[in-house]
């Protein structure tokens, strides 16, 4: 599996410095659970600070009466300031 990459691409390093995770869909009856992730970045190598906003999806299925998490995807944006 390959990830799509926008051009030009740069390696940016930094740390998460706080934020929130809000449940959008709890995933009743073992459906996919979806969360909104919103937070700040610090010590960003390029600009010093930044912000991210993303959607985190936990992919789940019921197998033999048990709910199994089999993967996760994240999509969103990063803004450097």
PDB file of N, CA and C in Angstrom:
ATOM      1  N   UNK A   1       0.844  -1.165   0.000  1.00  0.00           N
ATOM      2  CA  UNK A   1       0.000   0.000   0.000  1.00  0.00           C
ATOM      3  C   UNK A   1       0.891   1.230   0.000  1.00  0.00           C
ATOM      4  N   UNK A   2       0.609   2.160  -0.877  1.00  0.00           N
ATOM      5  CA  UNK A   2       1.376   3.395  -0.954  1.00  0.00           C
ATOM      6  C   UNK A   2       0.495   4.577  -0.569  1.00  0.00           C
ATOM      7  N   UNK A   3       1.087   5.575   0.022  1.00  0.00           N
ATOM      8  CA  UNK A   3       0.370   6.789   0.390  1.00  0.00           C
ATOM      9  C   UNK A   3       0.516   7.815  -0.720  1.00  0.00           C
ATOM     10  N   UNK A   4      -0.560   8.522  -1.016  1.00  0.00           N
ATOM     11  CA  UNK A   4      -0.481   9.618  -1.976  1.00  0.00           C
ATOM     12  C   UNK A   4       0.349  10.743  -1.382  1.00  0.00           C
ATOM     13  N   UNK A   5       1.156  11.369  -2.216  1.00  0.00           N
ATOM     14  CA  UNK A   5       2.022  12.445  -1.742  1.00  0.00           C
ATOM     15  C   UNK A   5       1.900  13.648  -2.657  1.00  0.00           C
ATOM     16  N   UNK A   6       1.631  14.790  -2.082  1.00  0.00           N
ATOM     17  CA  UNK A   6       1.541  16.025  -2.847  1.00  0.00           C
ATOM     18  C   UNK A   6       2.939  16.523  -3.188  1.00  0.00           C
ATOM     19  N   UNK A   7       3.054  17.240  -4.261  1.00  0.00           N
ATOM     20  CA  UNK A   7       4.342  17.814  -4.665  1.00  0.00           C
ATOM     21  C   UNK A   7       4.308  19.321  -4.470  1.00  0.00           C
ATOM     22  N   UNK A   8       5.314  19.996  -4.011  1.00  0.00           N
ATOM     23  CA  UNK A   8       6.536  19.379  -3.484  1.00  0.00           C
ATOM     24  C   UNK A   8       6.294  18.821  -2.086  1.00  0.00           C
ATOM     25  N   UNK A   9       7.085  17.858  -1.690  1.00  0.00           N
ATOM     26  CA  UNK A   9       6.952  17.234  -0.371  1.00  0.00           C
ATOM     27  C   UNK A   9       8.173  17.598   0.483  1.00  0.00           C
ATOM     28  N   UNK A  10       7.931  17.890   1.746  1.00  0.00           N
ATOM     29  CA  UNK A  10       8.989  18.231   2.678  1.00  0.00           C
ATOM     30  C   UNK A  10       8.830  17.397   3.941  1.00  0.00           C
ATOM     31  N   UNK A  11       9.936  17.037   4.543  1.00  0.00           N
ATOM     32  CA  UNK A  11       9.904  16.363   5.837  1.00  0.00           C
ATOM     33  C   UNK A  11       9.838  17.450   6.902  1.00  0.00           C
ATOM     34  N   UNK A  12       8.847  17.360   7.773  1.00  0.00           N
ATOM     35  CA  UNK A  12       8.659  18.336   8.840  1.00  0.00           C
ATOM     36  C   UNK A  12       8.615  17.577  10.153  1.00  0.00           C
ATOM     37  N   UNK A  13       9.375  18.019  11.131  1.00  0.00           N
ATOM     38  CA  UNK A  13       9.346  17.364  12.436  1.00  0.00           C
ATOM     39  C   UNK A  13       8.838  18.333  13.494  1.00  0.00           C
ATOM     40  N   UNK A  14       8.289  17.790  14.566  1.00  0.00           N
ATOM     41  CA  UNK A  14       7.765  18.573  15.669  1.00  0.00           C
ATOM     42  C   UNK A  14       7.068  17.663  16.660  1.00  0.00           C
ATOM     43  N   UNK A  15       6.404  18.244  17.650  1.00  0.00           N
ATOM     44  CA  UNK A  15       5.693  17.466  18.663  1.00  0.00           C
ATOM     45  C   UNK A  15       4.260  17.973  18.810  1.00  0.00           C
ATOM     46  N   UNK A  16       3.370  17.049  19.167  1.00  0.00           N
ATOM     47  CA  UNK A  16       2.020  17.431  19.534  1.00  0.00           C
ATOM     48  C   UNK A  16       2.094  18.159  20.873  1.00  0.00           C
ATOM     49  N   UNK A  17       1.372  19.271  21.000  1.00  0.00           N
ATOM     50  CA  UNK A  17       1.450  20.025  22.254  1.00  0.00           C
ATOM     51  C   UNK A  17       0.080  20.249  22.882  1.00  0.00           C
ATOM     52  N   UNK A  18      -0.842  19.381  22.581  1.00  0.00           N
ATOM     53  CA  UNK A  18      -2.160  19.478  23.181  1.00  0.00           C
ATOM     54  C   UNK A  18      -3.245  19.532  22.134  1.00  0.00           C
ATOM     55  N   UNK A  19      -4.442  19.236  22.556  1.00  0.00           N
ATOM     56  CA  UNK A  19      -5.569  19.255  21.638  1.00  0.00           C
ATOM     57  C   UNK A  19      -6.722  18.456  22.184  1.00  0.00           C
ATOM     58  N   UNK A  20      -7.651  18.141  21.300  1.00  0.00           N
ATOM     59  CA  UNK A  20      -8.841  17.402  21.715  1.00  0.00           C
ATOM     60  C   UNK A  20      -9.157  16.283  20.743  1.00  0.00           C
ATOM     61  N   UNK A  21      -9.823  15.279  21.248  1.00  0.00           N
ATOM     62  CA  UNK A  21     -10.400  14.211  20.435  1.00  0.00           C
ATOM     63  C   UNK A  21     -11.886  14.182  20.776  1.00  0.00           C
ATOM     64  N   UNK A  22     -12.723  14.346  19.757  1.00  0.00           N
ATOM     65  CA  UNK A  22     -14.170  14.389  19.949  1.00  0.00           C
ATOM     66  C   UNK A  22     -14.815  13.273  19.150  1.00  0.00           C
ATOM     67  N   UNK A  23     -15.647  12.483  19.810  1.00  0.00           N
ATOM     68  CA  UNK A  23     -16.336  11.392  19.123  1.00  0.00           C
ATOM     69  C   UNK A  23     -17.395  11.969  18.186  1.00  0.00           C
ATOM     70  N   UNK A  24     -17.297  11.606  16.917  1.00  0.00           N
ATOM     71  CA  UNK A  24     -18.296  11.995  15.920  1.00  0.00           C
ATOM     72  C   UNK A  24     -19.331  10.886  15.780  1.00  0.00           C
ATOM     73  N   UNK A  25     -18.848   9.642  15.758  1.00  0.00           N
ATOM     74  CA  UNK A  25     -19.716   8.472  15.647  1.00  0.00           C
ATOM     75  C   UNK A  25     -19.117   7.383  16.529  1.00  0.00           C
ATOM     76  N   UNK A  26     -19.832   6.983  17.572  1.00  0.00           N
ATOM     77  CA  UNK A  26     -19.318   6.001  18.534  1.00  0.00           C
ATOM     78  C   UNK A  26     -19.214   4.596  17.957  1.00  0.00           C
ATOM     79  N   UNK A  27     -19.835   4.348  16.824  1.00  0.00           N
ATOM     80  CA  UNK A  27     -19.741   3.033  16.206  1.00  0.00           C
ATOM     81  C   UNK A  27     -20.630   1.995  16.862  1.00  0.00           C
ATOM     82  N   UNK A  28     -21.873   2.366  17.096  1.00  0.00           N
ATOM     83  CA  UNK A  28     -22.814   1.416  17.699  1.00  0.00           C
ATOM     84  C   UNK A  28     -22.906   0.135  16.874  1.00  0.00           C
ATOM     85  N   UNK A  29     -23.112  -0.982  17.557  1.00  0.00           N
ATOM     86  CA  UNK A  29     -23.275  -2.301  16.930  1.00  0.00           C
ATOM     87  C   UNK A  29     -22.068  -2.674  16.079  1.00  0.00           C
ATOM     88  N   UNK A  30     -20.878  -2.284  16.544  1.00  0.00           N
ATOM     89  CA  UNK A  30     -19.607  -2.649  15.933  1.00  0.00           C
ATOM     90  C   UNK A  30     -19.406  -2.069  14.537  1.00  0.00           C
ATOM     91  N   UNK A  31     -19.988  -0.899  14.283  1.00  0.00           N
ATOM     92  CA  UNK A  31     -19.675  -0.197  13.043  1.00  0.00           C
ATOM     93  C   UNK A  31     -18.419   0.644  13.270  1.00  0.00           C
ATOM     94  N   UNK A  32     -17.930   1.293  12.234  1.00  0.00           N
ATOM     95  CA  UNK A  32     -16.711   2.088  12.357  1.00  0.00           C
ATOM     96  C   UNK A  32     -16.892   3.235  13.349  1.00  0.00           C
ATOM     97  N   UNK A  33     -15.887   3.431  14.188  1.00  0.00           N
ATOM     98  CA  UNK A  33     -15.873   4.535  15.144  1.00  0.00           C
ATOM     99  C   UNK A  33     -15.108   5.690  14.519  1.00  0.00           C
ATOM    100  N   UNK A  34     -15.677   6.907  14.563  1.00  0.00           N
ATOM    101  CA  UNK A  34     -15.051   8.073  13.939  1.00  0.00           C
ATOM    102  C   UNK A  34     -14.861   9.176  14.977  1.00  0.00           C
ATOM    103  N   UNK A  35     -13.648   9.737  15.031  1.00  0.00           N
ATOM    104  CA  UNK A  35     -13.307  10.803  15.967  1.00  0.00           C
ATOM    105  C   UNK A  35     -12.716  11.990  15.208  1.00  0.00           C
ATOM    106  N   UNK A  36     -13.008  13.192  15.705  1.00  0.00           N
ATOM    107  CA  UNK A  36     -12.354  14.401  15.204  1.00  0.00           C
ATOM    108  C   UNK A  36     -11.158  14.675  16.104  1.00  0.00           C
ATOM    109  N   UNK A  37      -9.998  14.910  15.507  1.00  0.00           N
ATOM    110  CA  UNK A  37      -8.777  15.191  16.244  1.00  0.00           C
ATOM    111  C   UNK A  37      -8.344  16.609  15.876  1.00  0.00           C
ATOM    112  N   UNK A  38      -8.137  17.449  16.879  1.00  0.00           N
ATOM    113  CA  UNK A  38      -7.788  18.845  16.646  1.00  0.00           C
ATOM    114  C   UNK A  38      -6.711  19.232  17.649  1.00  0.00           C
ATOM    115  N   UNK A  39      -5.603  19.791  17.191  1.00  0.00           N
ATOM    116  CA  UNK A  39      -4.559  20.115  18.149  1.00  0.00           C
ATOM    117  C   UNK A  39      -3.482  21.020  17.610  1.00  0.00           C
ATOM    118  N   UNK A  40      -2.525  21.306  18.472  1.00  0.00           N
ATOM    119  CA  UNK A  40      -1.428  22.206  18.147  1.00  0.00           C
ATOM    120  C   UNK A  40      -0.119  21.447  18.077  1.00  0.00           C
ATOM    121  N   UNK A  41       0.822  22.033  17.336  1.00  0.00           N
ATOM    122  CA  UNK A  41       2.163  21.484  17.186  1.00  0.00           C
ATOM    123  C   UNK A  41       3.166  22.495  17.716  1.00  0.00           C
ATOM    124  N   UNK A  42       4.257  22.017  18.296  1.00  0.00           N
ATOM    125  CA  UNK A  42       5.322  22.899  18.774  1.00  0.00           C
ATOM    126  C   UNK A  42       6.662  22.374  18.283  1.00  0.00           C
ATOM    127  N   UNK A  43       7.669  23.216  18.347  1.00  0.00           N
ATOM    128  CA  UNK A  43       9.022  22.857  17.904  1.00  0.00           C
ATOM    129  C   UNK A  43       9.039  22.312  16.483  1.00  0.00           C
ATOM    130  N   UNK A  44       8.217  22.905  15.615  1.00  0.00           N
ATOM    131  CA  UNK A  44       8.165  22.473  14.224  1.00  0.00           C
ATOM    132  C   UNK A  44       9.435  22.968  13.530  1.00  0.00           C
ATOM    133  N   UNK A  45      10.148  22.055  12.874  1.00  0.00           N
ATOM    134  CA  UNK A  45      11.458  22.361  12.296  1.00  0.00           C
ATOM    135  C   UNK A  45      11.405  23.490  11.267  1.00  0.00           C
ATOM    136  N   UNK A  46      10.310  23.630  10.546  1.00  0.00           N
ATOM    137  CA  UNK A  46      10.231  24.609   9.470  1.00  0.00           C
ATOM    138  C   UNK A  46       9.778  25.978   9.974  1.00  0.00           C
ATOM    139  N   UNK A  47       8.731  26.016  10.819  1.00  0.00           N
ATOM    140  CA  UNK A  47       8.113  27.292  11.178  1.00  0.00           C
ATOM    141  C   UNK A  47       8.052  27.572  12.673  1.00  0.00           C
ATOM    142  N   UNK A  48       8.268  26.588  13.505  1.00  0.00           N
ATOM    143  CA  UNK A  48       8.182  26.773  14.950  1.00  0.00           C
ATOM    144  C   UNK A  48       6.887  26.272  15.554  1.00  0.00           C
ATOM    145  N   UNK A  49       5.729  26.606  14.927  1.00  0.00           N
ATOM    146  CA  UNK A  49       4.439  26.150  15.445  1.00  0.00           C
ATOM    147  C   UNK A  49       3.538  25.725  14.299  1.00  0.00           C
ATOM    148  N   UNK A  50       2.447  25.087  14.648  1.00  0.00           N
ATOM    149  CA  UNK A  50       1.480  24.670  13.642  1.00  0.00           C
ATOM    150  C   UNK A  50       0.208  24.173  14.283  1.00  0.00           C
ATOM    151  N   UNK A  51      -0.700  23.708  13.454  1.00  0.00           N
ATOM    152  CA  UNK A  51      -1.999  23.217  13.894  1.00  0.00           C
ATOM    153  C   UNK A  51      -2.411  22.048  12.995  1.00  0.00           C
ATOM    154  N   UNK A  52      -3.118  21.082  13.568  1.00  0.00           N
ATOM    155  CA  UNK A  52      -3.625  19.984  12.750  1.00  0.00           C
ATOM    156  C   UNK A  52      -5.091  19.754  13.047  1.00  0.00           C
ATOM    157  N   UNK A  53      -5.812  19.318  12.049  1.00  0.00           N
ATOM    158  CA  UNK A  53      -7.218  18.936  12.184  1.00  0.00           C
ATOM    159  C   UNK A  53      -7.405  17.693  11.332  1.00  0.00           C
ATOM    160  N   UNK A  54      -7.914  16.623  11.932  1.00  0.00           N
ATOM    161  CA  UNK A  54      -8.014  15.359  11.214  1.00  0.00           C
ATOM    162  C   UNK A  54      -9.233  14.566  11.655  1.00  0.00           C
ATOM    163  N   UNK A  55      -9.573  13.588  10.850  1.00  0.00           N
ATOM    164  CA  UNK A  55     -10.597  12.610  11.191  1.00  0.00           C
ATOM    165  C   UNK A  55      -9.914  11.260  11.317  1.00  0.00           C
ATOM    166  N   UNK A  56     -10.102  10.623  12.466  1.00  0.00           N
ATOM    167  CA  UNK A  56      -9.537   9.302  12.750  1.00  0.00           C
ATOM    168  C   UNK A  56     -10.671   8.291  12.708  1.00  0.00           C
ATOM    169  N   UNK A  57     -10.533   7.272  11.872  1.00  0.00           N
ATOM    170  CA  UNK A  57     -11.566   6.238  11.767  1.00  0.00           C
ATOM    171  C   UNK A  57     -10.984   4.894  12.181  1.00  0.00           C
ATOM    172  N   UNK A  58     -11.607   4.260  13.175  1.00  0.00           N
ATOM    173  CA  UNK A  58     -11.254   2.896  13.574  1.00  0.00           C
ATOM    174  C   UNK A  58     -12.197   1.955  12.824  1.00  0.00           C
ATOM    175  N   UNK A  59     -11.619   1.108  11.984  1.00  0.00           N
ATOM    176  CA  UNK A  59     -12.412   0.174  11.183  1.00  0.00           C
ATOM    177  C   UNK A  59     -12.647  -1.105  11.994  1.00  0.00           C
ATOM    178  N   UNK A  60     -13.937  -1.455  12.164  1.00  0.00           N
ATOM    179  CA  UNK A  60     -14.295  -2.582  13.030  1.00  0.00           C
ATOM    180  C   UNK A  60     -15.306  -3.487  12.344  1.00  0.00           C
ATOM    181  N   UNK A  61     -15.276  -4.753  12.724  1.00  0.00           N
ATOM    182  CA  UNK A  61     -16.238  -5.736  12.229  1.00  0.00           C
ATOM    183  C   UNK A  61     -16.571  -6.714  13.356  1.00  0.00           C
ATOM    184  N   UNK A  62     -17.788  -7.204  13.304  1.00  0.00           N
ATOM    185  CA  UNK A  62     -18.208  -8.230  14.259  1.00  0.00           C
ATOM    186  C   UNK A  62     -17.883  -9.601  13.670  1.00  0.00           C
ATOM    187  N   UNK A  63     -17.145 -10.409  14.453  1.00  0.00           N
ATOM    188  CA  UNK A  63     -16.787 -11.763  14.042  1.00  0.00           C
ATOM    189  C   UNK A  63     -17.104 -12.693  15.202  1.00  0.00           C
ATOM    190  N   UNK A  64     -17.995 -13.639  14.944  1.00  0.00           N
ATOM    191  CA  UNK A  64     -18.400 -14.614  15.966  1.00  0.00           C
ATOM    192  C   UNK A  64     -18.872 -13.929  17.243  1.00  0.00           C
ATOM    193  N   UNK A  65     -19.601 -12.832  17.073  1.00  0.00           N
ATOM    194  CA  UNK A  65     -20.195 -12.136  18.208  1.00  0.00           C
ATOM    195  C   UNK A  65     -19.264 -11.187  18.950  1.00  0.00           C
ATOM    196  N   UNK A  66     -18.035 -11.040  18.473  1.00  0.00           N
ATOM    197  CA  UNK A  66     -17.092 -10.119  19.118  1.00  0.00           C
ATOM    198  C   UNK A  66     -16.718  -9.015  18.141  1.00  0.00           C
ATOM    199  N   UNK A  67     -16.490  -7.823  18.655  1.00  0.00           N
ATOM    200  CA  UNK A  67     -16.142  -6.669  17.829  1.00  0.00           C
ATOM    201  C   UNK A  67     -14.617  -6.570  17.718  1.00  0.00           C
ATOM    202  N   UNK A  68     -14.116  -6.589  16.481  1.00  0.00           N
ATOM    203  CA  UNK A  68     -12.680  -6.564  16.240  1.00  0.00           C
ATOM    204  C   UNK A  68     -12.281  -5.299  15.491  1.00  0.00           C
ATOM    205  N   UNK A  69     -11.277  -4.620  15.999  1.00  0.00           N
ATOM    206  CA  UNK A  69     -10.662  -3.492  15.305  1.00  0.00           C
ATOM    207  C   UNK A  69      -9.598  -4.075  14.381  1.00  0.00           C
ATOM    208  N   UNK A  70      -9.705  -3.805  13.077  1.00  0.00           N
ATOM    209  CA  UNK A  70      -8.750  -4.388  12.139  1.00  0.00           C
ATOM    210  C   UNK A  70      -7.902  -3.346  11.420  1.00  0.00           C
ATOM    211  N   UNK A  71      -8.153  -2.070  11.658  1.00  0.00           N
ATOM    212  CA  UNK A  71      -7.343  -1.044  11.012  1.00  0.00           C
ATOM    213  C   UNK A  71      -7.828   0.338  11.384  1.00  0.00           C
ATOM    214  N   UNK A  72      -7.054   1.326  10.989  1.00  0.00           N
ATOM    215  CA  UNK A  72      -7.426   2.723  11.244  1.00  0.00           C
ATOM    216  C   UNK A  72      -6.915   3.577  10.095  1.00  0.00           C
ATOM    217  N   UNK A  73      -7.648   4.646   9.801  1.00  0.00           N
ATOM    218  CA  UNK A  73      -7.205   5.617   8.799  1.00  0.00           C
ATOM    219  C   UNK A  73      -7.315   7.015   9.384  1.00  0.00           C
ATOM    220  N   UNK A  74      -6.451   7.898   8.902  1.00  0.00           N
ATOM    221  CA  UNK A  74      -6.441   9.294   9.329  1.00  0.00           C
ATOM    222  C   UNK A  74      -6.387  10.155   8.076  1.00  0.00           C
ATOM    223  N   UNK A  75      -7.205  11.204   8.057  1.00  0.00           N
ATOM    224  CA  UNK A  75      -7.162  12.161   6.959  1.00  0.00           C
ATOM    225  C   UNK A  75      -7.398  13.550   7.521  1.00  0.00           C
ATOM    226  N   UNK A  76      -6.706  14.533   6.978  1.00  0.00           N
ATOM    227  CA  UNK A  76      -6.910  15.889   7.476  1.00  0.00           C
ATOM    228  C   UNK A  76      -5.902  16.858   6.937  1.00  0.00           C
ATOM    229  N   UNK A  77      -5.692  17.928   7.691  1.00  0.00           N
ATOM    230  CA  UNK A  77      -4.786  18.986   7.253  1.00  0.00           C
ATOM    231  C   UNK A  77      -3.826  19.390   8.367  1.00  0.00           C
ATOM    232  N   UNK A  78      -2.668  19.875   7.944  1.00  0.00           N
ATOM    233  CA  UNK A  78      -1.685  20.463   8.848  1.00  0.00           C
ATOM    234  C   UNK A  78      -1.401  21.867   8.328  1.00  0.00           C
ATOM    235  N   UNK A  79      -1.475  22.845   9.224  1.00  0.00           N
ATOM    236  CA  UNK A  79      -1.181  24.228   8.859  1.00  0.00           C
ATOM    237  C   UNK A  79       0.042  24.672   9.650  1.00  0.00           C
ATOM    238  N   UNK A  80       1.062  25.150   8.951  1.00  0.00           N
ATOM    239  CA  UNK A  80       2.271  25.627   9.610  1.00  0.00           C
ATOM    240  C   UNK A  80       2.265  27.134   9.633  1.00  0.00           C
ATOM    241  N   UNK A  81       2.603  27.700  10.799  1.00  0.00           N
ATOM    242  CA  UNK A  81       2.565  29.160  10.940  1.00  0.00           C
ATOM    243  C   UNK A  81       3.912  29.696  11.382  1.00  0.00           C
TER     244      UNK A  81
END
